[in-house]
Amino acid sequence: MSDELSVRFGPAVEAWLAKAQPGPLREKVGTLRHAYEGGASSARVDLAAYLAARAPATFAAISATLRQIKSLAPEFAPVSLLDVGAGPGTASFAAAAHFPSLTQARLVEGDARFAALAEELAPQLPFAATVHRGSLLNALAPANLVIAAYVLAELPLDQMAQAATHLWRATETVLLLVEPGTPQGFARIKVARAALLKAGGHLIGPCTHGEACPMQGADWCHFKTRLQRSRAHMHAKGGIVPFEDEAFSWLAVARFAARRPEARIIAPPQVGKAGVALRLCTSAGLQDEVIASRAKPAYKQAKKLRWGDGFSRHETGEA
């Protein structure tokens, strides 16, 4: 687990697992992985397997998006949080790590087992938190920051626009959606994006514009974040590498206009002797940009760029 995760969530999870004594988890984790890859809901998910194998990756993906929000909207300091489809409260713990301004959270979870687990872990949060049984489409109390992470898959695609606008009505300032970085996950984000723009939302990210999404066909917008595995995590997943990469798609929308970069890097940069090749999403569509090695200051700067970073030509001296 990451250092951020180990601050509060990690010890809380480890204590729960030790108390539950779930026994060997590798087979259960394998079943869990196949279920998620197949698009199954969390209704039959083994709690111990989820905490051991999925919670760290989910936390890492949500944290990566929250870092982007803080960078693009540094003035945003939420006091209240609404965590929809909260599971064990993963998004609440991630928000606590990034927004010390938070004083209260409402966790909404439809699965009785996960709701009970969230109630057990919630006292470890650094602010007042209450857990409520309910689905994404139930009545939601408003909050400064609303997070719906890895929950839209519980609904059919034709309900995405309704779900997004429902969440938007509960959003006082910023709404964050996070889904698996798969074509299906992005399809849900893409429908939500269109609905939220129609409702008057201002995009924070990853989009750098409010034009029609240029992703078409088999292409999809996703990013990756790397997390360090704990020994228990490695054992549960049968892994030998001390890290893993979590792919995710995300969308953050605000009720204010946030600062946005000129473009977003949507694929791993290709660094070569001739230059750095970038795949960019811009208001004019998808574009390929090469920062030539002969432009030494710009090339040196471009070599530091990563998949998911914002990109502005003037920052690399290319303007």
C-alpha atoms as a PDB file:
ATOM      1  CA  MET A   1       0.000   0.000   0.000  1.00  0.00           C
ATOM      2  CA  SER A   2       1.087   3.572  -0.606  1.00  0.00           C
ATOM      3  CA  ASP A   3       2.435   5.796   2.163  1.00  0.00           C
ATOM      4  CA  GLU A   4      -0.796   7.825   2.057  1.00  0.00           C
ATOM      5  CA  LEU A   5      -2.868   4.696   2.401  1.00  0.00           C
ATOM      6  CA  SER A   6      -0.811   3.404   5.319  1.00  0.00           C
ATOM      7  CA  VAL A   7      -1.504   6.549   7.347  1.00  0.00           C
ATOM      8  CA  ARG A   8      -5.024   5.495   8.362  1.00  0.00           C
ATOM      9  CA  PHE A   9      -6.734   3.196   5.896  1.00  0.00           C
ATOM     10  CA  GLY A  10      -3.933   0.640   5.754  1.00  0.00           C
ATOM     11  CA  PRO A  11      -3.794  -0.063   9.499  1.00  0.00           C
ATOM     12  CA  ALA A  12      -7.593  -0.098   9.699  1.00  0.00           C
ATOM     13  CA  VAL A  13      -7.787  -2.655   6.890  1.00  0.00           C
ATOM     14  CA  GLU A  14      -5.029  -4.796   8.343  1.00  0.00           C
ATOM     15  CA  ALA A  15      -6.698  -4.795  11.754  1.00  0.00           C
ATOM     16  CA  TRP A  16      -9.999  -5.866  10.185  1.00  0.00           C
ATOM     17  CA  LEU A  17      -8.338  -8.673   8.240  1.00  0.00           C
ATOM     18  CA  ALA A  18      -6.511  -9.881  11.347  1.00  0.00           C
ATOM     19  CA  LYS A  19      -9.761  -9.944  13.307  1.00  0.00           C
ATOM     20  CA  ALA A  20     -11.706 -11.648  10.519  1.00  0.00           C
ATOM     21  CA  GLN A  21      -8.981 -14.265   9.986  1.00  0.00           C
ATOM     22  CA  PRO A  22     -10.131 -14.974   6.423  1.00  0.00           C
ATOM     23  CA  GLY A  23      -7.503 -17.652   5.794  1.00  0.00           C
ATOM     24  CA  PRO A  24      -5.902 -18.157   2.350  1.00  0.00           C
ATOM     25  CA  LEU A  25      -7.090 -15.425   0.011  1.00  0.00           C
ATOM     26  CA  ARG A  26      -5.391 -16.227  -3.274  1.00  0.00           C
ATOM     27  CA  GLU A  27      -8.259 -18.257  -4.721  1.00  0.00           C
ATOM     28  CA  LYS A  28     -10.821 -15.693  -3.546  1.00  0.00           C
ATOM     29  CA  VAL A  29      -8.762 -12.881  -5.082  1.00  0.00           C
ATOM     30  CA  GLY A  30      -8.651 -14.758  -8.383  1.00  0.00           C
ATOM     31  CA  THR A  31     -12.433 -15.099  -8.341  1.00  0.00           C
ATOM     32  CA  LEU A  32     -12.738 -11.414  -7.486  1.00  0.00           C
ATOM     33  CA  ARG A  33     -10.486 -10.380 -10.358  1.00  0.00           C
ATOM     34  CA  HIS A  34     -12.415 -12.435 -12.907  1.00  0.00           C
ATOM     35  CA  ALA A  35     -15.713 -11.022 -11.606  1.00  0.00           C
ATOM     36  CA  TYR A  36     -14.561  -7.417 -11.995  1.00  0.00           C
ATOM     37  CA  GLU A  37     -13.022  -8.070 -15.414  1.00  0.00           C
ATOM     38  CA  GLY A  38     -16.367  -9.488 -16.475  1.00  0.00           C
ATOM     39  CA  GLY A  39     -18.211  -6.387 -15.308  1.00  0.00           C
ATOM     40  CA  ALA A  40     -19.952  -8.070 -12.361  1.00  0.00           C
ATOM     41  CA  SER A  41     -21.352  -5.996  -9.491  1.00  0.00           C
ATOM     42  CA  SER A  42     -20.000  -6.083  -5.938  1.00  0.00           C
ATOM     43  CA  ALA A  43     -23.004  -8.062  -4.643  1.00  0.00           C
ATOM     44  CA  ARG A  44     -21.073 -11.330  -4.256  1.00  0.00           C
ATOM     45  CA  VAL A  45     -17.605  -9.928  -3.689  1.00  0.00           C
ATOM     46  CA  ASP A  46     -15.666 -11.478  -0.807  1.00  0.00           C
ATOM     47  CA  LEU A  47     -14.929  -8.629   1.623  1.00  0.00           C
ATOM     48  CA  ALA A  48     -11.526  -9.907   2.710  1.00  0.00           C
ATOM     49  CA  ALA A  49     -10.423 -10.446  -0.884  1.00  0.00           C
ATOM     50  CA  TYR A  50     -11.608  -6.957  -1.782  1.00  0.00           C
ATOM     51  CA  LEU A  51      -9.730  -5.328   1.098  1.00  0.00           C
ATOM     52  CA  ALA A  52      -6.558  -7.255   0.387  1.00  0.00           C
ATOM     53  CA  ALA A  53      -6.497  -6.927  -3.383  1.00  0.00           C
ATOM     54  CA  ARG A  54      -8.756  -4.136  -4.649  1.00  0.00           C
ATOM     55  CA  ALA A  55      -8.859  -1.481  -1.947  1.00  0.00           C
ATOM     56  CA  PRO A  56      -5.188  -0.419  -2.384  1.00  0.00           C
ATOM     57  CA  ALA A  57      -5.574   0.001  -6.154  1.00  0.00           C
ATOM     58  CA  THR A  58      -8.882   1.837  -5.803  1.00  0.00           C
ATOM     59  CA  PHE A  59      -7.358   4.174  -3.243  1.00  0.00           C
ATOM     60  CA  ALA A  60      -4.381   4.840  -5.525  1.00  0.00           C
ATOM     61  CA  ALA A  61      -6.585   5.720  -8.500  1.00  0.00           C
ATOM     62  CA  ILE A  62      -8.802   8.052  -6.481  1.00  0.00           C
ATOM     63  CA  SER A  63      -5.732   9.680  -4.929  1.00  0.00           C
ATOM     64  CA  ALA A  64      -4.240  10.289  -8.380  1.00  0.00           C
ATOM     65  CA  THR A  65      -7.373  12.147  -9.458  1.00  0.00           C
ATOM     66  CA  LEU A  66      -7.566  14.155  -6.236  1.00  0.00           C
ATOM     67  CA  ARG A  67      -3.978  15.301  -6.775  1.00  0.00           C
ATOM     68  CA  GLN A  68      -5.019  16.556 -10.207  1.00  0.00           C
ATOM     69  CA  ILE A  69      -7.978  18.434  -8.738  1.00  0.00           C
ATOM     70  CA  LYS A  70      -5.752  20.094  -6.132  1.00  0.00           C
ATOM     71  CA  SER A  71      -3.282  21.104  -8.820  1.00  0.00           C
ATOM     72  CA  LEU A  72      -5.901  22.537 -11.180  1.00  0.00           C
ATOM     73  CA  ALA A  73      -8.137  24.078  -8.492  1.00  0.00           C
ATOM     74  CA  PRO A  74      -5.789  24.936  -5.595  1.00  0.00           C
ATOM     75  CA  GLU A  75      -8.395  27.225  -4.022  1.00  0.00           C
ATOM     76  CA  PHE A  76     -10.845  24.338  -3.552  1.00  0.00           C
ATOM     77  CA  ALA A  77     -11.034  23.441   0.144  1.00  0.00           C
ATOM     78  CA  PRO A  78     -14.126  21.295   0.742  1.00  0.00           C
ATOM     79  CA  VAL A  79     -15.684  21.013   4.179  1.00  0.00           C
ATOM     80  CA  SER A  80     -18.274  18.324   3.416  1.00  0.00           C
ATOM     81  CA  LEU A  81     -17.938  15.082   1.453  1.00  0.00           C
ATOM     82  CA  LEU A  82     -20.518  12.756  -0.078  1.00  0.00           C
ATOM     83  CA  ASP A  83     -19.022   9.337  -0.864  1.00  0.00           C
ATOM     84  CA  VAL A  84     -21.508   7.488  -3.098  1.00  0.00           C
ATOM     85  CA  GLY A  85     -21.097   3.744  -3.522  1.00  0.00           C
ATOM     86  CA  ALA A  86     -18.628   4.054  -0.690  1.00  0.00           C
ATOM     87  CA  GLY A  87     -17.743   0.389  -0.232  1.00  0.00           C
ATOM     88  CA  PRO A  88     -15.514   0.305   2.858  1.00  0.00           C
ATOM     89  CA  GLY A  89     -14.992   4.073   2.620  1.00  0.00           C
ATOM     90  CA  THR A  90     -11.962   4.038   0.335  1.00  0.00           C
ATOM     91  CA  ALA A  91     -12.743   7.384  -1.316  1.00  0.00           C
ATOM     92  CA  SER A  92     -13.368   8.994   2.069  1.00  0.00           C
ATOM     93  CA  PHE A  93      -9.951   7.939   3.303  1.00  0.00           C
ATOM     94  CA  ALA A  94      -8.355   9.178   0.083  1.00  0.00           C
ATOM     95  CA  ALA A  95     -10.131  12.534   0.402  1.00  0.00           C
ATOM     96  CA  ALA A  96      -8.993  12.800   4.016  1.00  0.00           C
ATOM     97  CA  ALA A  97      -5.391  12.397   2.860  1.00  0.00           C
ATOM     98  CA  HIS A  98      -5.709  15.273   0.374  1.00  0.00           C
ATOM     99  CA  PHE A  99      -8.175  17.721   1.928  1.00  0.00           C
ATOM    100  CA  PRO A 100      -7.509  18.504   5.599  1.00  0.00           C
ATOM    101  CA  SER A 101     -10.300  21.077   5.331  1.00  0.00           C
ATOM    102  CA  LEU A 102     -12.925  18.293   5.471  1.00  0.00           C
ATOM    103  CA  THR A 103     -14.941  18.175   8.679  1.00  0.00           C
ATOM    104  CA  GLN A 104     -17.739  15.768   7.778  1.00  0.00           C
ATOM    105  CA  ALA A 105     -18.598  12.961   5.387  1.00  0.00           C
ATOM    106  CA  ARG A 106     -21.701  11.024   4.437  1.00  0.00           C
ATOM    107  CA  LEU A 107     -20.990   7.559   3.055  1.00  0.00           C
ATOM    108  CA  VAL A 108     -23.767   5.988   0.969  1.00  0.00           C
ATOM    109  CA  GLU A 109     -23.553   2.250   0.289  1.00  0.00           C
ATOM    110  CA  GLY A 110     -26.248  -0.124  -0.953  1.00  0.00           C
ATOM    111  CA  ASP A 111     -24.603  -3.427  -0.028  1.00  0.00           C
ATOM    112  CA  ALA A 112     -25.327  -4.310   3.612  1.00  0.00           C
ATOM    113  CA  ARG A 113     -21.990  -6.071   4.065  1.00  0.00           C
ATOM    114  CA  PHE A 114     -19.954  -3.169   2.726  1.00  0.00           C
ATOM    115  CA  ALA A 115     -22.050  -0.684   4.706  1.00  0.00           C
ATOM    116  CA  ALA A 116     -21.305  -2.604   7.907  1.00  0.00           C
ATOM    117  CA  LEU A 117     -17.619  -2.694   7.002  1.00  0.00           C
ATOM    118  CA  ALA A 118     -17.627   1.058   6.361  1.00  0.00           C
ATOM    119  CA  GLU A 119     -19.195   1.604   9.786  1.00  0.00           C
ATOM    120  CA  GLU A 120     -16.365  -0.382  11.361  1.00  0.00           C
ATOM    121  CA  LEU A 121     -13.657   1.580   9.558  1.00  0.00           C
ATOM    122  CA  ALA A 122     -15.241   5.066   9.672  1.00  0.00           C
ATOM    123  CA  PRO A 123     -14.038   5.879  13.219  1.00  0.00           C
ATOM    124  CA  GLN A 124     -10.499   5.896  11.785  1.00  0.00           C
ATOM    125  CA  LEU A 125     -11.353   8.904   9.615  1.00  0.00           C
ATOM    126  CA  PRO A 126     -10.111  12.285  10.916  1.00  0.00           C
ATOM    127  CA  PHE A 127     -13.587  13.840  10.629  1.00  0.00           C
ATOM    128  CA  ALA A 128     -17.170  12.987  11.531  1.00  0.00           C
ATOM    129  CA  ALA A 129     -18.534  10.334   9.176  1.00  0.00           C
ATOM    130  CA  THR A 130     -21.918   8.651   8.947  1.00  0.00           C
ATOM    131  CA  VAL A 131     -22.831   5.610   6.859  1.00  0.00           C
ATOM    132  CA  HIS A 132     -26.208   5.317   5.134  1.00  0.00           C
ATOM    133  CA  ARG A 133     -27.775   2.442   3.214  1.00  0.00           C
ATOM    134  CA  GLY A 134     -28.890   3.483  -0.234  1.00  0.00           C
ATOM    135  CA  SER A 135     -28.155   3.311  -3.945  1.00  0.00           C
ATOM    136  CA  LEU A 136     -26.653   5.861  -6.282  1.00  0.00           C
ATOM    137  CA  LEU A 137     -30.103   6.888  -7.518  1.00  0.00           C
ATOM    138  CA  ASN A 138     -31.621   7.410  -4.050  1.00  0.00           C
ATOM    139  CA  ALA A 139     -32.064  10.902  -2.646  1.00  0.00           C
ATOM    140  CA  LEU A 140     -28.633  12.332  -1.826  1.00  0.00           C
ATOM    141  CA  ALA A 141     -27.707  15.022   0.692  1.00  0.00           C
ATOM    142  CA  PRO A 142     -25.658  17.867  -0.854  1.00  0.00           C
ATOM    143  CA  ALA A 143     -21.929  18.256  -0.175  1.00  0.00           C
ATOM    144  CA  ASN A 144     -19.009  20.400  -1.323  1.00  0.00           C
ATOM    145  CA  LEU A 145     -17.215  17.384  -2.774  1.00  0.00           C
ATOM    146  CA  VAL A 146     -19.107  14.407  -4.222  1.00  0.00           C
ATOM    147  CA  ILE A 147     -17.179  11.269  -5.179  1.00  0.00           C
ATOM    148  CA  ALA A 148     -18.628   8.277  -7.019  1.00  0.00           C
ATOM    149  CA  ALA A 149     -15.751   5.860  -7.555  1.00  0.00           C
ATOM    150  CA  TYR A 150     -16.029   2.444  -9.194  1.00  0.00           C
ATOM    151  CA  VAL A 151     -19.806   2.520  -8.758  1.00  0.00           C
ATOM    152  CA  LEU A 152     -21.307   3.491 -12.129  1.00  0.00           C
ATOM    153  CA  ALA A 153     -20.788  -0.087 -13.319  1.00  0.00           C
ATOM    154  CA  GLU A 154     -23.663  -1.040 -11.020  1.00  0.00           C
ATOM    155  CA  LEU A 155     -26.017   0.609 -13.547  1.00  0.00           C
ATOM    156  CA  PRO A 156     -26.719  -0.088 -17.228  1.00  0.00           C
ATOM    157  CA  LEU A 157     -25.154   2.315 -19.703  1.00  0.00           C
ATOM    158  CA  ASP A 158     -28.513   3.835 -20.642  1.00  0.00           C
ATOM    159  CA  GLN A 159     -28.838   5.149 -17.063  1.00  0.00           C
ATOM    160  CA  MET A 160     -25.464   6.928 -17.011  1.00  0.00           C
ATOM    161  CA  ALA A 161     -26.801  10.351 -17.985  1.00  0.00           C
ATOM    162  CA  GLN A 162     -29.525  10.127 -15.337  1.00  0.00           C
ATOM    163  CA  ALA A 163     -27.014   8.994 -12.705  1.00  0.00           C
ATOM    164  CA  ALA A 164     -24.566  11.781 -13.564  1.00  0.00           C
ATOM    165  CA  THR A 165     -27.173  14.553 -13.372  1.00  0.00           C
ATOM    166  CA  HIS A 166     -28.527  13.055 -10.144  1.00  0.00           C
ATOM    167  CA  LEU A 167     -25.049  13.234  -8.611  1.00  0.00           C
ATOM    168  CA  TRP A 168     -24.623  16.750  -9.998  1.00  0.00           C
ATOM    169  CA  ARG A 169     -27.735  17.959  -8.194  1.00  0.00           C
ATOM    170  CA  ALA A 170     -26.095  16.898  -4.910  1.00  0.00           C
ATOM    171  CA  THR A 171     -22.829  18.629  -5.808  1.00  0.00           C
ATOM    172  CA  GLU A 172     -22.255  22.036  -4.251  1.00  0.00           C
ATOM    173  CA  THR A 173     -18.787  22.536  -5.746  1.00  0.00           C
ATOM    174  CA  VAL A 174     -16.936  19.552  -7.283  1.00  0.00           C
ATOM    175  CA  LEU A 175     -18.057  16.139  -8.552  1.00  0.00           C
ATOM    176  CA  LEU A 176     -15.473  13.393  -9.136  1.00  0.00           C
ATOM    177  CA  LEU A 177     -16.209  10.200 -11.070  1.00  0.00           C
ATOM    178  CA  VAL A 178     -13.672   7.370 -11.251  1.00  0.00           C
ATOM    179  CA  GLU A 179     -14.095   4.117 -13.176  1.00  0.00           C
ATOM    180  CA  PRO A 180     -11.846   1.238 -14.243  1.00  0.00           C
ATOM    181  CA  GLY A 181      -9.557   2.150 -17.136  1.00  0.00           C
ATOM    182  CA  THR A 182     -11.304  -0.165 -19.565  1.00  0.00           C
ATOM    183  CA  PRO A 183     -13.341   0.579 -22.702  1.00  0.00           C
ATOM    184  CA  GLN A 184     -16.487  -0.094 -20.670  1.00  0.00           C
ATOM    185  CA  GLY A 185     -15.351   2.166 -17.825  1.00  0.00           C
ATOM    186  CA  PHE A 186     -14.562   4.995 -20.229  1.00  0.00           C
ATOM    187  CA  ALA A 187     -17.881   4.532 -22.040  1.00  0.00           C
ATOM    188  CA  ARG A 188     -19.640   5.319 -18.758  1.00  0.00           C
ATOM    189  CA  ILE A 189     -17.429   8.358 -18.160  1.00  0.00           C
ATOM    190  CA  LYS A 190     -18.027   9.622 -21.705  1.00  0.00           C
ATOM    191  CA  VAL A 191     -21.818   9.521 -21.337  1.00  0.00           C
ATOM    192  CA  ALA A 192     -21.574  11.223 -17.933  1.00  0.00           C
ATOM    193  CA  ARG A 193     -19.317  13.921 -19.408  1.00  0.00           C
ATOM    194  CA  ALA A 194     -21.865  14.855 -22.064  1.00  0.00           C
ATOM    195  CA  ALA A 195     -24.689  14.965 -19.512  1.00  0.00           C
ATOM    196  CA  LEU A 196     -22.731  17.111 -17.060  1.00  0.00           C
ATOM    197  CA  LEU A 197     -21.674  19.602 -19.727  1.00  0.00           C
ATOM    198  CA  LYS A 198     -25.311  19.877 -20.772  1.00  0.00           C
ATOM    199  CA  ALA A 199     -26.206  20.535 -17.114  1.00  0.00           C
ATOM    200  CA  GLY A 200     -23.801  23.487 -17.028  1.00  0.00           C
ATOM    201  CA  GLY A 201     -20.782  21.892 -15.348  1.00  0.00           C
ATOM    202  CA  HIS A 202     -17.235  23.170 -15.842  1.00  0.00           C
ATOM    203  CA  LEU A 203     -14.664  20.482 -16.573  1.00  0.00           C
ATOM    204  CA  ILE A 204     -11.627  20.326 -14.307  1.00  0.00           C
ATOM    205  CA  GLY A 205     -10.082  17.243 -15.873  1.00  0.00           C
ATOM    206  CA  PRO A 206      -8.836  15.216 -17.483  1.00  0.00           C
ATOM    207  CA  CYS A 207     -10.467  17.056 -20.390  1.00  0.00           C
ATOM    208  CA  THR A 208      -8.827  20.333 -21.344  1.00  0.00           C
ATOM    209  CA  HIS A 209     -11.876  21.530 -23.293  1.00  0.00           C
ATOM    210  CA  GLY A 210     -15.648  21.301 -23.411  1.00  0.00           C
ATOM    211  CA  GLU A 211     -15.881  20.248 -27.040  1.00  0.00           C
ATOM    212  CA  ALA A 212     -17.144  16.830 -28.105  1.00  0.00           C
ATOM    213  CA  CYS A 213     -14.913  14.035 -26.874  1.00  0.00           C
ATOM    214  CA  PRO A 214     -12.582  13.077 -29.759  1.00  0.00           C
ATOM    215  CA  MET A 215     -12.132   9.479 -28.562  1.00  0.00           C
ATOM    216  CA  GLN A 216     -13.779   7.226 -31.124  1.00  0.00           C
ATOM    217  CA  GLY A 217     -13.939   3.569 -32.040  1.00  0.00           C
ATOM    218  CA  ALA A 218     -11.664   1.245 -30.103  1.00  0.00           C
ATOM    219  CA  ASP A 219      -9.730   4.120 -28.496  1.00  0.00           C
ATOM    220  CA  TRP A 220     -10.500   5.083 -24.910  1.00  0.00           C
ATOM    221  CA  CYS A 221      -9.259   7.681 -22.441  1.00  0.00           C
ATOM    222  CA  HIS A 222      -7.522   6.126 -19.448  1.00  0.00           C
ATOM    223  CA  PHE A 223      -4.480   6.606 -17.276  1.00  0.00           C
ATOM    224  CA  LYS A 224      -2.359   4.562 -14.889  1.00  0.00           C
ATOM    225  CA  THR A 225      -1.015   5.024 -11.404  1.00  0.00           C
ATOM    226  CA  ARG A 226       1.614   2.866  -9.723  1.00  0.00           C
ATOM    227  CA  LEU A 227       1.206   1.640  -6.162  1.00  0.00           C
ATOM    228  CA  GLN A 228       3.576  -0.225  -3.912  1.00  0.00           C
ATOM    229  CA  ARG A 229       2.325  -3.604  -2.748  1.00  0.00           C
ATOM    230  CA  SER A 230       2.449  -4.623   0.879  1.00  0.00           C
ATOM    231  CA  ARG A 231       3.599  -8.146   1.701  1.00  0.00           C
ATOM    232  CA  ALA A 232      -0.002  -9.174   2.383  1.00  0.00           C
ATOM    233  CA  HIS A 233      -1.097  -7.683  -0.923  1.00  0.00           C
ATOM    234  CA  MET A 234       1.603  -9.566  -2.834  1.00  0.00           C
ATOM    235  CA  HIS A 235       0.760 -12.814  -1.071  1.00  0.00           C
ATOM    236  CA  ALA A 236      -2.965 -12.477  -1.728  1.00  0.00           C
ATOM    237  CA  LYS A 237      -2.416 -11.827  -5.429  1.00  0.00           C
ATOM    238  CA  GLY A 238       0.451 -14.279  -5.846  1.00  0.00           C
ATOM    239  CA  GLY A 239       2.660 -11.463  -7.083  1.00  0.00           C
ATOM    240  CA  ILE A 240       6.448 -11.296  -7.070  1.00  0.00           C
ATOM    241  CA  VAL A 241       6.814  -7.685  -8.250  1.00  0.00           C
ATOM    242  CA  PRO A 242       6.579  -5.165  -5.368  1.00  0.00           C
ATOM    243  CA  PHE A 243       4.296  -2.803  -7.287  1.00  0.00           C
ATOM    244  CA  GLU A 244       1.339  -2.822  -9.643  1.00  0.00           C
ATOM    245  CA  ASP A 245      -0.217  -0.367 -12.070  1.00  0.00           C
ATOM    246  CA  GLU A 246      -3.900   0.490 -11.791  1.00  0.00           C
ATOM    247  CA  ALA A 247      -5.636   1.716 -14.948  1.00  0.00           C
ATOM    248  CA  PHE A 248      -8.506   4.155 -14.448  1.00  0.00           C
ATOM    249  CA  SER A 249     -10.724   6.663 -16.244  1.00  0.00           C
ATOM    250  CA  TRP A 250     -11.911   9.777 -14.472  1.00  0.00           C
ATOM    251  CA  LEU A 251     -13.856  12.996 -14.738  1.00  0.00           C
ATOM    252  CA  ALA A 252     -13.953  16.000 -12.407  1.00  0.00           C
ATOM    253  CA  VAL A 253     -16.596  18.698 -12.903  1.00  0.00           C
ATOM    254  CA  ALA A 254     -17.027  21.919 -10.939  1.00  0.00           C
ATOM    255  CA  ARG A 255     -19.494  24.733 -10.492  1.00  0.00           C
ATOM    256  CA  PHE A 256     -16.674  27.171 -11.212  1.00  0.00           C
ATOM    257  CA  ALA A 257     -14.273  27.551 -14.126  1.00  0.00           C
ATOM    258  CA  ALA A 258     -10.963  25.912 -13.220  1.00  0.00           C
ATOM    259  CA  ARG A 259      -7.567  26.511 -14.784  1.00  0.00           C
ATOM    260  CA  ARG A 260      -6.907  23.908 -17.470  1.00  0.00           C
ATOM    261  CA  PRO A 261      -3.770  23.070 -19.461  1.00  0.00           C
ATOM    262  CA  GLU A 262      -3.680  23.460 -23.224  1.00  0.00           C
ATOM    263  CA  ALA A 263      -3.648  19.697 -23.761  1.00  0.00           C
ATOM    264  CA  ARG A 264      -3.502  16.378 -21.906  1.00  0.00           C
ATOM    265  CA  ILE A 265      -0.993  13.598 -22.592  1.00  0.00           C
ATOM    266  CA  ILE A 266      -3.154  10.531 -23.212  1.00  0.00           C
ATOM    267  CA  ALA A 267      -0.511   7.851 -23.858  1.00  0.00           C
ATOM    268  CA  PRO A 268       2.984   7.068 -22.579  1.00  0.00           C
ATOM    269  CA  PRO A 269       5.461   9.566 -24.124  1.00  0.00           C
ATOM    270  CA  GLN A 270       7.936   7.968 -26.526  1.00  0.00           C
ATOM    271  CA  VAL A 271      11.450   9.229 -25.839  1.00  0.00           C
ATOM    272  CA  GLY A 272      14.012   8.780 -28.607  1.00  0.00           C
ATOM    273  CA  LYS A 273      17.170  10.373 -29.935  1.00  0.00           C
ATOM    274  CA  ALA A 274      15.184  12.420 -32.430  1.00  0.00           C
ATOM    275  CA  GLY A 275      12.806  13.784 -29.828  1.00  0.00           C
ATOM    276  CA  VAL A 276       9.890  13.100 -27.490  1.00  0.00           C
ATOM    277  CA  ALA A 277       6.674  12.022 -29.213  1.00  0.00           C
ATOM    278  CA  LEU A 278       3.465  12.955 -27.396  1.00  0.00           C
ATOM    279  CA  ARG A 279      -0.117  11.880 -28.016  1.00  0.00           C
ATOM    280  CA  LEU A 280      -2.327  14.784 -26.967  1.00  0.00           C
ATOM    281  CA  CYS A 281      -6.004  15.509 -26.472  1.00  0.00           C
ATOM    282  CA  THR A 282      -6.761  19.134 -27.381  1.00  0.00           C
ATOM    283  CA  SER A 283      -9.788  21.271 -28.212  1.00  0.00           C
ATOM    284  CA  ALA A 284      -8.953  20.636 -31.871  1.00  0.00           C
ATOM    285  CA  GLY A 285      -9.020  16.871 -31.376  1.00  0.00           C
ATOM    286  CA  LEU A 286      -6.347  14.224 -30.914  1.00  0.00           C
ATOM    287  CA  GLN A 287      -2.910  15.407 -32.021  1.00  0.00           C
ATOM    288  CA  ASP A 288       0.627  14.080 -32.172  1.00  0.00           C
ATOM    289  CA  GLU A 289       3.397  16.404 -31.074  1.00  0.00           C
ATOM    290  CA  VAL A 290       7.141  15.844 -31.324  1.00  0.00           C
ATOM    291  CA  ILE A 291       9.544  17.880 -29.208  1.00  0.00           C
ATOM    292  CA  ALA A 292      12.751  17.691 -31.232  1.00  0.00           C
ATOM    293  CA  SER A 293      15.985  16.863 -29.424  1.00  0.00           C
ATOM    294  CA  ARG A 294      17.691  19.766 -31.200  1.00  0.00           C
ATOM    295  CA  ALA A 295      15.491  22.129 -29.172  1.00  0.00           C
ATOM    296  CA  LYS A 296      17.536  21.257 -26.117  1.00  0.00           C
ATOM    297  CA  PRO A 297      15.719  23.146 -23.310  1.00  0.00           C
ATOM    298  CA  ALA A 298      12.296  22.015 -24.559  1.00  0.00           C
ATOM    299  CA  TYR A 299      13.541  18.446 -25.099  1.00  0.00           C
ATOM    300  CA  LYS A 300      14.990  18.289 -21.597  1.00  0.00           C
ATOM    301  CA  GLN A 301      11.681  19.477 -20.170  1.00  0.00           C
ATOM    302  CA  ALA A 302       9.641  17.128 -22.340  1.00  0.00           C
ATOM    303  CA  LYS A 303      11.588  14.085 -21.139  1.00  0.00           C
ATOM    304  CA  LYS A 304      10.121  14.714 -17.679  1.00  0.00           C
ATOM    305  CA  LEU A 305       6.532  14.528 -18.917  1.00  0.00           C
ATOM    306  CA  ARG A 306       4.400  11.530 -18.014  1.00  0.00           C
ATOM    307  CA  TRP A 307       1.192   9.922 -19.257  1.00  0.00           C
ATOM    308  CA  GLY A 308      -1.702  11.915 -17.794  1.00  0.00           C
ATOM    309  CA  ASP A 309       0.209  15.182 -17.398  1.00  0.00           C
ATOM    310  CA  GLY A 310      -1.137  18.429 -18.722  1.00  0.00           C
ATOM    311  CA  PHE A 311       0.837  19.941 -21.600  1.00  0.00           C
ATOM    312  CA  SER A 312       1.261  23.552 -22.700  1.00  0.00           C
ATOM    313  CA  ARG A 313       3.616  24.491 -25.483  1.00  0.00           C
ATOM    314  CA  HIS A 314       4.822  27.658 -23.814  1.00  0.00           C
ATOM    315  CA  GLU A 315       5.967  25.648 -20.788  1.00  0.00           C
ATOM    316  CA  THR A 316       8.366  23.655 -22.972  1.00  0.00           C
ATOM    317  CA  GLY A 317       9.477  26.658 -24.985  1.00  0.00           C
ATOM    318  CA  GLU A 318       7.624  25.422 -28.070  1.00  0.00           C
ATOM    319  CA  ALA A 319       5.233  28.387 -28.352  1.00  0.00           C
END
